[in-house]
Protein backbone atom coordinates (compact mmCIF):
# COMPACT_ATOMS: atom_id res chain seq x y z
CA MET A 1 31.53 7.10 -47.23
CA GLY A 2 32.11 4.04 -44.89
CA ASP A 3 33.03 0.61 -46.98
CA LEU A 4 29.60 -0.73 -46.12
CA GLU A 5 27.88 1.87 -47.80
CA ARG A 6 29.47 2.02 -50.76
CA LEU A 7 29.01 -1.97 -51.70
CA TYR A 8 25.25 -0.98 -50.63
CA ARG A 9 25.39 1.76 -53.19
CA ILE A 10 27.12 -0.05 -55.54
CA LYS A 11 24.45 -3.17 -55.96
CA TYR A 12 21.81 -0.46 -55.57
CA MET A 13 23.23 1.06 -59.40
CA ILE A 14 23.18 -2.47 -60.71
CA GLN A 15 19.64 -3.38 -59.49
CA ALA A 16 18.58 -0.37 -60.31
CA ARG A 17 19.96 0.56 -63.77
CA GLY A 18 20.32 -3.09 -65.20
CA SER A 19 23.27 -2.18 -66.37
CA VAL A 20 25.90 0.52 -64.92
CA PRO A 21 29.23 1.29 -67.05
CA LEU A 22 32.99 1.99 -64.70
CA LYS A 23 33.31 5.48 -64.84
CA ASP A 24 29.66 5.67 -63.12
CA PHE A 25 30.56 4.05 -60.38
CA LEU A 26 34.02 5.80 -61.08
CA ASP A 27 32.31 9.28 -60.66
CA GLU A 28 29.37 8.64 -58.46
CA LEU A 29 31.34 6.66 -55.66
CA GLU A 30 34.44 9.41 -56.00
CA ILE A 31 36.73 6.24 -56.02
CA SER A 32 39.58 5.10 -58.47
CA LYS A 33 39.75 2.20 -60.50
CA ALA A 34 41.53 0.11 -57.83
CA THR A 35 39.33 0.28 -55.15
CA PHE A 36 36.78 -0.53 -57.44
CA LYS A 37 37.73 -3.99 -58.28
CA ARG A 38 38.63 -4.62 -54.74
CA ASP A 39 34.71 -3.69 -53.70
CA LEU A 40 33.83 -6.07 -56.92
CA GLU A 41 35.89 -8.90 -55.70
CA TYR A 42 34.53 -8.41 -52.15
CA LEU A 43 31.45 -8.50 -53.74
CA ARG A 44 31.80 -11.85 -55.99
CA SER A 45 34.09 -13.98 -53.32
CA ARG A 46 32.65 -13.14 -49.88
CA MET A 47 28.61 -11.50 -50.37
CA ASN A 48 28.28 -14.48 -53.70
CA ALA A 49 27.39 -11.66 -55.98
CA SER A 50 26.73 -12.59 -59.23
CA ILE A 51 28.38 -9.62 -61.24
CA VAL A 52 29.30 -10.24 -64.62
CA TYR A 53 31.13 -7.63 -67.14
CA ASP A 54 28.07 -7.00 -70.35
CA ARG A 55 30.32 -6.35 -73.19
CA PHE A 56 27.43 -6.14 -75.43
CA HIS A 57 26.06 -2.90 -73.01
CA GLY A 58 29.53 -1.57 -71.91
CA GLY A 59 28.48 -1.93 -67.78
CA TYR A 60 28.28 -4.34 -65.15
CA ARG A 61 25.21 -6.42 -63.63
CA PHE A 62 23.79 -9.50 -61.93
CA ASP A 63 24.18 -12.52 -64.06
CA GLY A 64 20.61 -14.15 -64.64
CA GLN A 65 18.73 -11.29 -63.01
CA SER A 66 15.31 -10.74 -64.71
CA VAL A 67 13.27 -7.13 -65.14
CA GLY A 68 12.48 -5.76 -62.00
CA GLU A 69 13.67 -8.24 -59.59
CA LYS A 70 15.02 -7.57 -56.59
CA ILE A 71 18.54 -8.64 -55.51
CA GLU A 72 19.23 -9.18 -51.81
CA LEU A 73 22.84 -9.39 -50.66
CA PRO A 74 23.87 -11.36 -47.06
CA GLY A 75 24.28 -8.25 -45.19
CA LEU A 76 24.29 -5.73 -47.51
CA TRP A 77 21.12 -4.17 -45.95
CA PHE A 78 23.23 -2.94 -43.68
CA SER A 79 24.89 0.47 -43.23
CA GLU A 80 28.46 0.60 -41.74
CA LYS A 81 26.82 2.33 -38.67
CA GLU A 82 24.06 -0.47 -38.89
CA ALA A 83 26.85 -3.28 -39.14
CA THR A 84 28.63 -1.93 -36.04
CA ALA A 85 25.63 -1.99 -34.11
CA LEU A 86 25.10 -5.70 -34.59
CA VAL A 87 28.51 -6.13 -33.60
CA LEU A 88 28.03 -4.43 -30.40
CA MET A 89 24.23 -6.33 -29.80
CA GLN A 90 25.82 -10.24 -30.16
CA HIS A 91 29.06 -9.83 -28.54
CA LEU A 92 26.82 -8.25 -25.39
CA LEU A 93 24.68 -10.61 -26.12
CA SER A 94 27.48 -13.56 -25.27
CA SER A 95 28.79 -11.94 -22.64
CA LEU A 96 25.48 -11.56 -20.70
CA ASP A 97 25.47 -15.78 -21.65
CA LYS A 98 27.59 -16.20 -18.87
CA GLY A 99 26.30 -20.31 -18.48
CA GLY A 100 27.22 -20.55 -22.43
CA LEU A 101 24.12 -22.03 -23.58
CA ILE A 102 23.15 -20.00 -26.28
CA GLU A 103 27.00 -19.27 -27.73
CA PRO A 104 27.07 -22.55 -29.83
CA HIS A 105 24.30 -20.96 -31.10
CA ILE A 106 25.17 -17.69 -31.93
CA GLN A 107 28.52 -18.17 -32.80
CA PRO A 108 27.86 -18.57 -36.91
CA LEU A 109 26.66 -15.37 -36.48
CA THR A 110 30.00 -13.83 -35.26
CA SER A 111 31.68 -15.41 -38.77
CA ILE A 112 29.27 -13.77 -40.86
CA ILE A 113 29.07 -10.49 -39.05
CA ASP A 114 33.24 -10.44 -39.47
CA GLY A 115 33.11 -10.81 -43.02
CA ILE A 116 30.34 -8.14 -43.30
CA LEU A 117 32.82 -5.65 -41.26
CA GLY A 118 36.51 -7.07 -43.55
CA GLN A 119 37.25 -3.64 -44.88
CA SER A 120 35.85 -1.76 -42.35
CA GLN A 121 38.38 0.12 -40.26
CA THR A 122 36.58 -0.40 -37.48
CA PRO A 123 37.01 -4.09 -37.18
CA ALA A 124 34.32 -6.40 -35.11
CA LYS A 125 37.49 -7.95 -33.43
CA GLU A 126 38.07 -4.74 -32.03
CA LEU A 127 34.95 -3.17 -31.52
CA ARG A 128 34.62 -6.69 -29.22
CA LYS A 129 37.47 -5.68 -26.98
CA ARG A 130 36.25 -1.97 -26.00
CA LEU A 131 33.32 -4.18 -25.04
CA LYS A 132 33.21 -5.45 -21.38
CA VAL A 133 30.09 -7.37 -19.39
CA PHE A 134 30.40 -9.03 -15.62
CA GLY A 135 27.63 -11.14 -15.04
CA MET A 136 28.12 -11.27 -11.48
CA SER A 137 25.21 -13.23 -10.82
CA ALA A 138 24.94 -15.91 -13.74
CA ARG A 139 24.94 -19.26 -12.99
CA LYS A 140 26.12 -22.18 -14.56
CA SER A 141 23.71 -24.38 -16.44
CA ASN A 142 23.45 -27.41 -18.83
CA ILE A 143 24.03 -26.62 -22.14
CA ASP A 144 22.37 -30.60 -23.43
CA CYS A 145 19.08 -29.38 -21.48
CA PHE A 146 19.28 -25.32 -22.86
CA GLU A 147 19.04 -27.43 -26.15
CA GLU A 148 16.03 -29.89 -25.51
CA ILE A 149 14.12 -26.74 -24.21
CA GLY A 150 14.85 -24.90 -26.86
CA ALA A 151 13.68 -27.61 -29.27
CA ALA A 152 10.52 -28.45 -27.32
CA LEU A 153 9.61 -25.01 -27.29
CA LEU A 154 9.76 -24.87 -31.51
CA LYS A 155 8.42 -28.16 -31.80
CA ARG A 156 5.63 -27.47 -28.70
CA ASN A 157 6.49 -31.13 -26.88
CA ARG A 158 6.33 -31.50 -23.58
CA LEU A 159 9.33 -32.47 -21.50
CA GLN A 160 9.97 -34.61 -19.39
CA THR A 161 12.63 -33.05 -16.79
CA THR A 162 14.68 -33.53 -13.57
CA TYR A 163 14.17 -30.65 -11.24
CA TYR A 164 15.95 -28.97 -8.09
CA ALA A 165 14.73 -26.61 -6.88
CA ARG A 166 16.95 -24.68 -4.29
CA SER A 167 14.94 -23.17 -2.29
CA ARG A 168 12.97 -26.54 -0.78
CA ASN A 169 16.28 -28.38 -1.51
CA GLU A 170 14.30 -30.89 -2.89
CA THR A 171 14.03 -32.96 -6.72
CA THR A 172 11.34 -34.08 -8.29
CA GLU A 173 10.32 -35.37 -11.94
CA ARG A 174 7.86 -33.70 -13.80
CA GLU A 175 6.19 -33.29 -17.10
CA ILE A 176 5.73 -29.56 -18.18
CA SER A 177 4.71 -27.81 -21.43
CA PRO A 178 7.48 -25.38 -22.06
CA GLN A 179 5.80 -21.94 -22.95
CA ARG A 180 8.73 -19.70 -23.39
CA LEU A 181 12.10 -18.58 -21.86
CA ILE A 182 13.62 -15.53 -19.82
CA PHE A 183 16.28 -14.04 -19.38
CA TYR A 184 16.11 -12.67 -15.89
CA LYS A 185 19.24 -11.06 -13.81
CA ASP A 186 21.87 -12.56 -15.78
CA ASN A 187 20.06 -16.27 -15.80
CA TRP A 188 17.69 -18.24 -17.82
CA TYR A 189 13.86 -19.06 -16.37
CA LEU A 190 11.22 -21.48 -18.24
CA ASP A 191 7.89 -20.20 -18.29
CA ALA A 192 5.87 -23.25 -18.60
CA TYR A 193 2.79 -25.20 -17.43
CA CYS A 194 3.37 -27.90 -14.72
CA HIS A 195 1.71 -31.15 -14.97
CA LEU A 196 2.62 -32.41 -11.45
CA ARG A 197 1.14 -28.94 -9.38
CA GLU A 198 -1.63 -28.50 -12.40
CA ASP A 199 -0.55 -24.91 -12.70
CA LEU A 200 1.55 -22.35 -14.36
CA ARG A 201 5.46 -22.93 -13.13
CA SER A 202 8.55 -20.63 -13.64
CA PHE A 203 11.42 -23.07 -13.25
CA ALA A 204 14.89 -22.07 -13.19
CA VAL A 205 17.12 -23.31 -16.32
CA ASP A 206 20.44 -24.34 -14.01
CA GLY A 207 17.55 -26.39 -12.00
CA ILE A 208 16.42 -28.71 -14.91
CA LYS A 209 19.20 -31.26 -14.46
CA LYS A 210 17.71 -34.03 -17.11
CA ALA A 211 15.14 -32.81 -20.09
CA ALA A 212 13.84 -34.88 -22.86
CA ILE A 213 11.69 -33.90 -25.10
CA THR A 214 8.15 -36.41 -25.16
CA ASN A 215 5.56 -37.29 -28.11
CA THR A 216 2.87 -35.98 -26.23
CA LYS A 217 2.15 -32.03 -27.29
CA ALA A 218 2.40 -29.36 -24.89
CA VAL A 219 -0.71 -27.46 -23.43
CA GLU A 220 -1.13 -24.16 -25.36
CA ILE A 221 -1.16 -21.08 -22.44
CA SER A 222 -2.87 -17.84 -24.09
CA GLU A 223 -0.68 -14.54 -23.83
CA LYS A 224 -2.97 -13.06 -21.93
CA GLN A 225 -3.21 -16.28 -19.79
CA LEU A 226 1.06 -15.64 -19.13
CA HIS A 227 1.19 -11.75 -18.68
CA GLU A 228 -1.65 -12.19 -15.76
CA HIS A 229 0.29 -14.90 -14.31
CA PHE A 230 4.21 -13.65 -15.16
CA SER A 231 3.99 -10.00 -15.21
CA GLU A 232 1.90 -8.76 -12.38
CA SER A 233 3.89 -9.51 -9.35
CA TYR A 234 7.42 -8.79 -8.67
CA GLY A 235 10.08 -10.38 -10.09
CA ILE A 236 10.75 -13.70 -11.08
CA PHE A 237 7.83 -15.19 -8.61
CA SER A 238 4.83 -16.28 -10.48
CA GLY A 239 0.89 -15.65 -8.95
CA LYS A 240 -1.47 -13.02 -9.40
CA ALA A 241 -0.69 -10.08 -7.56
CA THR A 242 -2.27 -9.69 -3.94
CA GLN A 243 -0.70 -6.92 -2.30
CA LYS A 244 0.68 -3.90 -3.32
CA ALA A 245 4.32 -2.48 -1.80
CA LYS A 246 4.99 1.19 -1.00
CA LEU A 247 8.55 1.88 -0.59
CA LYS A 248 10.24 5.13 0.02
CA PHE A 249 13.69 6.19 -0.89
CA THR A 250 15.96 9.00 0.61
CA PRO A 251 16.48 11.63 -2.50
CA GLU A 252 20.13 10.67 -2.01
CA ARG A 253 18.98 6.91 -3.48
CA ALA A 254 16.76 8.47 -5.91
CA ARG A 255 19.85 9.79 -8.35
CA TRP A 256 19.58 6.24 -8.97
CA VAL A 257 16.22 4.43 -7.95
CA GLY A 258 14.35 7.13 -9.79
CA SER A 259 15.48 5.93 -13.43
CA GLU A 260 14.82 2.56 -12.82
CA THR A 261 11.99 -0.26 -13.66
CA TRP A 262 11.00 -2.26 -10.76
CA HIS A 263 8.24 -3.81 -12.36
CA GLY A 264 5.98 -3.08 -15.62
CA GLN A 265 2.93 -0.85 -14.02
CA GLN A 266 4.50 1.13 -11.12
CA ILE A 267 3.68 4.34 -9.65
CA ALA A 268 6.06 6.22 -9.13
CA SER A 269 6.29 10.18 -7.13
CA PHE A 270 8.67 12.43 -5.56
CA ASP A 271 7.64 13.94 -2.14
CA LYS A 272 8.29 17.71 -1.06
CA GLU A 273 11.74 16.55 0.52
CA GLY A 274 12.79 14.91 -2.55
CA ASN A 275 12.17 11.12 -1.24
CA TYR A 276 11.06 8.52 -3.92
CA ILE A 277 7.88 6.92 -3.36
CA LEU A 278 7.29 3.54 -5.53
CA GLU A 279 4.50 1.42 -5.60
CA PHE A 280 3.91 -1.46 -7.33
CA ASP A 281 1.69 -5.06 -7.22
CA TYR A 282 3.09 -8.00 -6.03
CA ASN A 283 2.77 -12.09 -4.87
CA GLN A 284 5.23 -13.70 -3.32
CA ASP A 285 7.78 -11.20 -1.16
CA PRO A 286 11.62 -13.26 -0.93
CA GLU A 287 13.06 -11.37 -3.90
CA LEU A 288 11.62 -8.55 -3.09
CA VAL A 289 13.02 -8.54 0.43
CA MET A 290 16.44 -8.85 -0.98
CA ASP A 291 16.46 -6.23 -3.24
CA ILE A 292 14.77 -3.84 -0.77
CA LEU A 293 17.72 -5.13 1.21
CA LYS A 294 20.59 -3.90 -0.81
CA HIS A 295 19.44 -0.45 -0.61
CA GLY A 296 19.92 -0.90 3.27
CA SER A 297 19.11 2.46 4.91
CA GLY A 298 18.34 4.46 1.59
CA VAL A 299 14.84 2.61 1.40
CA GLU A 300 12.32 2.27 3.94
CA VAL A 301 8.90 0.22 3.15
CA LEU A 302 5.70 2.17 4.04
CA SER A 303 3.54 -0.50 3.49
CA PRO A 304 2.10 -3.15 3.53
CA ALA A 305 2.74 -3.55 7.43
CA SER A 306 4.09 -7.91 6.59
CA LEU A 307 6.50 -6.88 3.99
CA ARG A 308 8.06 -4.01 6.34
CA LYS A 309 7.91 -6.57 9.05
CA ARG A 310 9.47 -8.80 7.17
CA VAL A 311 12.30 -6.51 5.98
CA LYS A 312 12.52 -5.26 9.66
CA GLU A 313 13.10 -9.12 10.82
CA GLU A 314 15.92 -9.75 8.30
CA LEU A 315 17.45 -6.61 8.97
CA SER A 316 17.61 -7.52 12.88
CA SER A 317 18.77 -10.91 12.14
CA ALA A 318 21.64 -9.78 10.05
CA LEU A 319 22.49 -7.17 12.49
CA LYS A 320 22.88 -9.89 15.25
CA LYS A 321 25.89 -11.72 13.56
CA TYR A 322 28.04 -8.39 13.70
């Protein structure tokens, strides 16, 4: 039995019975008196458990517990395996956040997890040392803007922003109604209603150079509208899907691509030669073209003709440089 599981059992026994003699703990948990004393001290000092010894009943109980009242202690609903998974998840989240945007907000969680696993044979720090995540495409963002965005999302107020669009090399002043934050391909994006363009837009958070919360309430967009605008098309580019891409991957490349999700509503199949055929809807093609080119000769665009032409032009242009 792991340390966390034993702590949970102590809590459960007291909660279920009201008062539990020392002998019951030693017999049922198969531990020594010294181990029980250490567990009891840990529960009191680290978990703020108000466990007292009741001389009248000859057992341990929660101080001030009413009959039938459920007592919850921080972290004690986690088994050791669950707490270990929590450590890995927290570290994974920190590692993905290469821009440092959410690290200050999840740092307190690290301390709590370390406290929960304080007696474990697999310390949290050791687990973190064994897990590495490389976010190769992460771009540096402004943490002040990230905090303003988060506050605006919670308060449901509009944001006045200064936004730099790399694709056009253009900086504009925009008032936007934030809807949701998206973490996509190692970077943060903000889905919002843009009052300048009078339409929904997806903004790269690292492109938001200044952000200030206004006193004006944000325009609310339904989840259905957001899904139709942002989820029907391929990638991060917004807009209702207008075309369907059909790609053919070689049998060798299919070993990787066959287990990937390119689009939520993609249609996939294998032909008789073992080629992997992938179909999905899209609107704009810049990101799609880049993702296709990454597979080199391992993929062929079957349709539409416009996408096939764009990929061919990019390949021809790249070839001229060599």
